[in-house]
Structure formats: C-alpha cells, structure tokens
C-alpha cells in the first residue's frame, strides 16, 4: 500500500494525491494535522532525505518561527523536535511506496518512475 503523508489543504499534496488516483494507484493518507507526525517514521525520512531537505526552510511555517527556533535546528534531534512540534514545517508530501521506498515532494516524472514499484 502507498501512504501519502502531509496536510490535506497543501497544493502539492493535492497534486500528488490526484496523480495517484488518475493512475489507478490506491493510496492511504496520513494527515499530520489530525493524526500527528508519525515519530517512528522520522528516522527513516531523515536518513532518506536529510534534515536540510525534509525541513522546509522556504515555507511560511519556517518563516514565522523566531530566530532562536530557526537557529536551534542544528542536528537530526533538533530537527525531529521541531517537526513533531510544527508539522507544517515538513516538506510535503512524503510518500512511502508499496515497496518501502520513499519520495519527497511531487513531480509527475518521479511518480511515474516509482509507479512500477507499487
């Protein structure tokens, strides 16, 4: 089963979910706002993408953080603490494909390449 992690009103998440549906790929959805960030998944996400890609430093949530909070993200532990406290700071969507592989963000080309790994 494919799982899409994110926030339902995020445009990129909407595009990813629509692409999956259009291509006949069944996907579960994990809503950060309702279900929280799955803490057990964060180590794998950090290993796959690194904190510099996983923490969206271009997003509104990051920009709204105070200087001290932004400066405190110096390692995986501090990035994890921030992502658990502020789920909207995570770049979206994170997708766990049926074969266990992970992708970050949405690109039709990247999703098409993954489609074989249902």
C-alpha atoms as a PDB file:
ATOM      1  CA  UNK A   1       0.000   0.000   0.000  1.00  0.00           C
ATOM      2  CA  UNK A   2       1.153   3.510  -0.788  1.00  0.00           C
ATOM      3  CA  UNK A   3       0.902   6.072   2.014  1.00  0.00           C
ATOM      4  CA  UNK A   4       0.920   9.811   1.423  1.00  0.00           C
ATOM      5  CA  UNK A   5       1.919  11.888   4.455  1.00  0.00           C
ATOM      6  CA  UNK A   6       1.031  15.557   4.609  1.00  0.00           C
ATOM      7  CA  UNK A   7      -1.666  18.150   5.073  1.00  0.00           C
ATOM      8  CA  UNK A   8      -4.873  17.927   3.023  1.00  0.00           C
ATOM      9  CA  UNK A   9      -5.047  21.610   2.061  1.00  0.00           C
ATOM     10  CA  UNK A  10      -1.447  21.684   0.750  1.00  0.00           C
ATOM     11  CA  UNK A  11      -1.497  22.207  -3.021  1.00  0.00           C
ATOM     12  CA  UNK A  12       1.444  19.867  -3.583  1.00  0.00           C
ATOM     13  CA  UNK A  13      -0.228  17.120  -1.551  1.00  0.00           C
ATOM     14  CA  UNK A  14      -3.420  17.637  -3.564  1.00  0.00           C
ATOM     15  CA  UNK A  15      -1.478  17.279  -6.822  1.00  0.00           C
ATOM     16  CA  UNK A  16       0.248  14.108  -5.604  1.00  0.00           C
ATOM     17  CA  UNK A  17      -2.991  12.506  -4.454  1.00  0.00           C
ATOM     18  CA  UNK A  18      -4.734  13.447  -7.709  1.00  0.00           C
ATOM     19  CA  UNK A  19      -1.870  11.992  -9.772  1.00  0.00           C
ATOM     20  CA  UNK A  20      -2.018   8.716  -7.853  1.00  0.00           C
ATOM     21  CA  UNK A  21      -5.808   8.492  -8.286  1.00  0.00           C
ATOM     22  CA  UNK A  22      -5.581   9.315 -12.004  1.00  0.00           C
ATOM     23  CA  UNK A  23      -3.075   6.492 -12.439  1.00  0.00           C
ATOM     24  CA  UNK A  24      -5.208   3.970 -10.563  1.00  0.00           C
ATOM     25  CA  UNK A  25      -2.878   3.724  -7.580  1.00  0.00           C
ATOM     26  CA  UNK A  26      -4.619   3.221  -4.263  1.00  0.00           C
ATOM     27  CA  UNK A  27      -3.033   5.318  -1.546  1.00  0.00           C
ATOM     28  CA  UNK A  28      -3.750   5.854   2.110  1.00  0.00           C
ATOM     29  CA  UNK A  29      -3.431   9.346   3.529  1.00  0.00           C
ATOM     30  CA  UNK A  30      -1.829  10.271   6.843  1.00  0.00           C
ATOM     31  CA  UNK A  31      -2.953  13.751   7.878  1.00  0.00           C
ATOM     32  CA  UNK A  32      -0.336  15.494  10.014  1.00  0.00           C
ATOM     33  CA  UNK A  33      -2.983  17.844  11.432  1.00  0.00           C
ATOM     34  CA  UNK A  34      -5.377  15.096  12.562  1.00  0.00           C
ATOM     35  CA  UNK A  35      -3.047  12.170  13.181  1.00  0.00           C
ATOM     36  CA  UNK A  36       0.176  13.956  14.063  1.00  0.00           C
ATOM     37  CA  UNK A  37       3.605  13.320  12.657  1.00  0.00           C
ATOM     38  CA  UNK A  38       4.489   9.613  12.868  1.00  0.00           C
ATOM     39  CA  UNK A  39       7.539   9.874  15.123  1.00  0.00           C
ATOM     40  CA  UNK A  40       8.588   6.318  14.292  1.00  0.00           C
ATOM     41  CA  UNK A  41       8.909   7.276  10.601  1.00  0.00           C
ATOM     42  CA  UNK A  42      11.114  10.344  11.113  1.00  0.00           C
ATOM     43  CA  UNK A  43      14.443   8.493  11.401  1.00  0.00           C
ATOM     44  CA  UNK A  44      13.850   6.800   8.021  1.00  0.00           C
ATOM     45  CA  UNK A  45      12.780  10.102   6.461  1.00  0.00           C
ATOM     46  CA  UNK A  46      15.865  11.854   7.802  1.00  0.00           C
ATOM     47  CA  UNK A  47      18.088   9.038   6.537  1.00  0.00           C
ATOM     48  CA  UNK A  48      16.469   9.146   3.099  1.00  0.00           C
ATOM     49  CA  UNK A  49      16.333  12.912   2.563  1.00  0.00           C
ATOM     50  CA  UNK A  50      18.436  14.648   5.225  1.00  0.00           C
ATOM     51  CA  UNK A  51      17.132  17.356   7.514  1.00  0.00           C
ATOM     52  CA  UNK A  52      18.043  20.138   5.072  1.00  0.00           C
ATOM     53  CA  UNK A  53      15.552  18.773   2.528  1.00  0.00           C
ATOM     54  CA  UNK A  54      12.936  17.453   4.962  1.00  0.00           C
ATOM     55  CA  UNK A  55      12.630  20.707   6.912  1.00  0.00           C
ATOM     56  CA  UNK A  56      11.051  23.184   4.508  1.00  0.00           C
ATOM     57  CA  UNK A  57      13.040  26.356   5.142  1.00  0.00           C
ATOM     58  CA  UNK A  58      11.211  28.179   2.326  1.00  0.00           C
ATOM     59  CA  UNK A  59       7.738  27.685   3.770  1.00  0.00           C
ATOM     60  CA  UNK A  60       5.507  30.008   5.743  1.00  0.00           C
ATOM     61  CA  UNK A  61       5.801  27.983   8.949  1.00  0.00           C
ATOM     62  CA  UNK A  62       9.612  28.253   8.929  1.00  0.00           C
ATOM     63  CA  UNK A  63       9.477  31.989   8.246  1.00  0.00           C
ATOM     64  CA  UNK A  64       7.053  32.505  11.145  1.00  0.00           C
ATOM     65  CA  UNK A  65       9.403  30.805  13.605  1.00  0.00           C
ATOM     66  CA  UNK A  66      11.516  33.075  15.724  1.00  0.00           C
ATOM     67  CA  UNK A  67      15.211  33.475  15.002  1.00  0.00           C
ATOM     68  CA  UNK A  68      16.103  31.369  18.054  1.00  0.00           C
ATOM     69  CA  UNK A  69      13.864  28.479  16.953  1.00  0.00           C
ATOM     70  CA  UNK A  70      15.340  28.504  13.442  1.00  0.00           C
ATOM     71  CA  UNK A  71      18.905  28.705  14.769  1.00  0.00           C
ATOM     72  CA  UNK A  72      18.220  25.767  17.117  1.00  0.00           C
ATOM     73  CA  UNK A  73      17.818  23.303  14.220  1.00  0.00           C
ATOM     74  CA  UNK A  74      21.401  22.088  14.139  1.00  0.00           C
ATOM     75  CA  UNK A  75      21.127  18.285  14.046  1.00  0.00           C
ATOM     76  CA  UNK A  76      18.643  15.472  13.455  1.00  0.00           C
ATOM     77  CA  UNK A  77      17.438  15.524  17.073  1.00  0.00           C
ATOM     78  CA  UNK A  78      16.589  19.229  16.986  1.00  0.00           C
ATOM     79  CA  UNK A  79      15.018  18.861  13.524  1.00  0.00           C
ATOM     80  CA  UNK A  80      12.903  15.975  14.825  1.00  0.00           C
ATOM     81  CA  UNK A  81      11.738  18.018  17.808  1.00  0.00           C
ATOM     82  CA  UNK A  82      10.739  20.881  15.503  1.00  0.00           C
ATOM     83  CA  UNK A  83       8.905  18.596  13.047  1.00  0.00           C
ATOM     84  CA  UNK A  84       6.945  16.983  15.883  1.00  0.00           C
ATOM     85  CA  UNK A  85       6.023  20.379  17.332  1.00  0.00           C
ATOM     86  CA  UNK A  86       5.353  22.104  13.979  1.00  0.00           C
ATOM     87  CA  UNK A  87       4.221  19.501  11.410  1.00  0.00           C
ATOM     88  CA  UNK A  88       3.721  22.161   8.740  1.00  0.00           C
ATOM     89  CA  UNK A  89       7.484  22.685   8.593  1.00  0.00           C
ATOM     90  CA  UNK A  90       7.898  19.286   6.903  1.00  0.00           C
ATOM     91  CA  UNK A  91       8.273  19.426   3.124  1.00  0.00           C
ATOM     92  CA  UNK A  92       5.284  17.675   1.590  1.00  0.00           C
ATOM     93  CA  UNK A  93       4.261  15.166   0.657  1.00  0.00           C
ATOM     94  CA  UNK A  94       6.358  12.353   1.980  1.00  0.00           C
ATOM     95  CA  UNK A  95       5.278   9.205   0.132  1.00  0.00           C
ATOM     96  CA  UNK A  96       6.041   5.672   1.255  1.00  0.00           C
ATOM     97  CA  UNK A  97       5.604   3.454  -1.773  1.00  0.00           C
ATOM     98  CA  UNK A  98       4.382  -0.144  -1.639  1.00  0.00           C
ATOM     99  CA  UNK A  99       7.966  -1.428  -1.907  1.00  0.00           C
ATOM    100  CA  UNK A 100       9.007   0.684   1.098  1.00  0.00           C
ATOM    101  CA  UNK A 101      10.788   3.333  -0.986  1.00  0.00           C
ATOM    102  CA  UNK A 102      10.333   6.990  -0.110  1.00  0.00           C
ATOM    103  CA  UNK A 103       9.916  10.163  -2.148  1.00  0.00           C
ATOM    104  CA  UNK A 104       9.684  13.762  -1.013  1.00  0.00           C
ATOM    105  CA  UNK A 105       7.585  16.379  -2.774  1.00  0.00           C
ATOM    106  CA  UNK A 106       5.706  15.833  -6.002  1.00  0.00           C
ATOM    107  CA  UNK A 107       6.969  15.503  -9.529  1.00  0.00           C
ATOM    108  CA  UNK A 108       4.966  13.687 -12.224  1.00  0.00           C
ATOM    109  CA  UNK A 109       8.217  12.267 -13.600  1.00  0.00           C
ATOM    110  CA  UNK A 110       9.384  10.974 -10.217  1.00  0.00           C
ATOM    111  CA  UNK A 111       5.978   9.447  -9.511  1.00  0.00           C
ATOM    112  CA  UNK A 112       5.886   7.824 -12.955  1.00  0.00           C
ATOM    113  CA  UNK A 113       9.320   6.327 -12.303  1.00  0.00           C
ATOM    114  CA  UNK A 114       8.035   4.938  -8.982  1.00  0.00           C
ATOM    115  CA  UNK A 115       4.789   3.653 -10.458  1.00  0.00           C
ATOM    116  CA  UNK A 116       6.390   0.327 -11.236  1.00  0.00           C
ATOM    117  CA  UNK A 117       7.241  -0.090  -7.528  1.00  0.00           C
ATOM    118  CA  UNK A 118       3.627  -0.385  -6.475  1.00  0.00           C
END
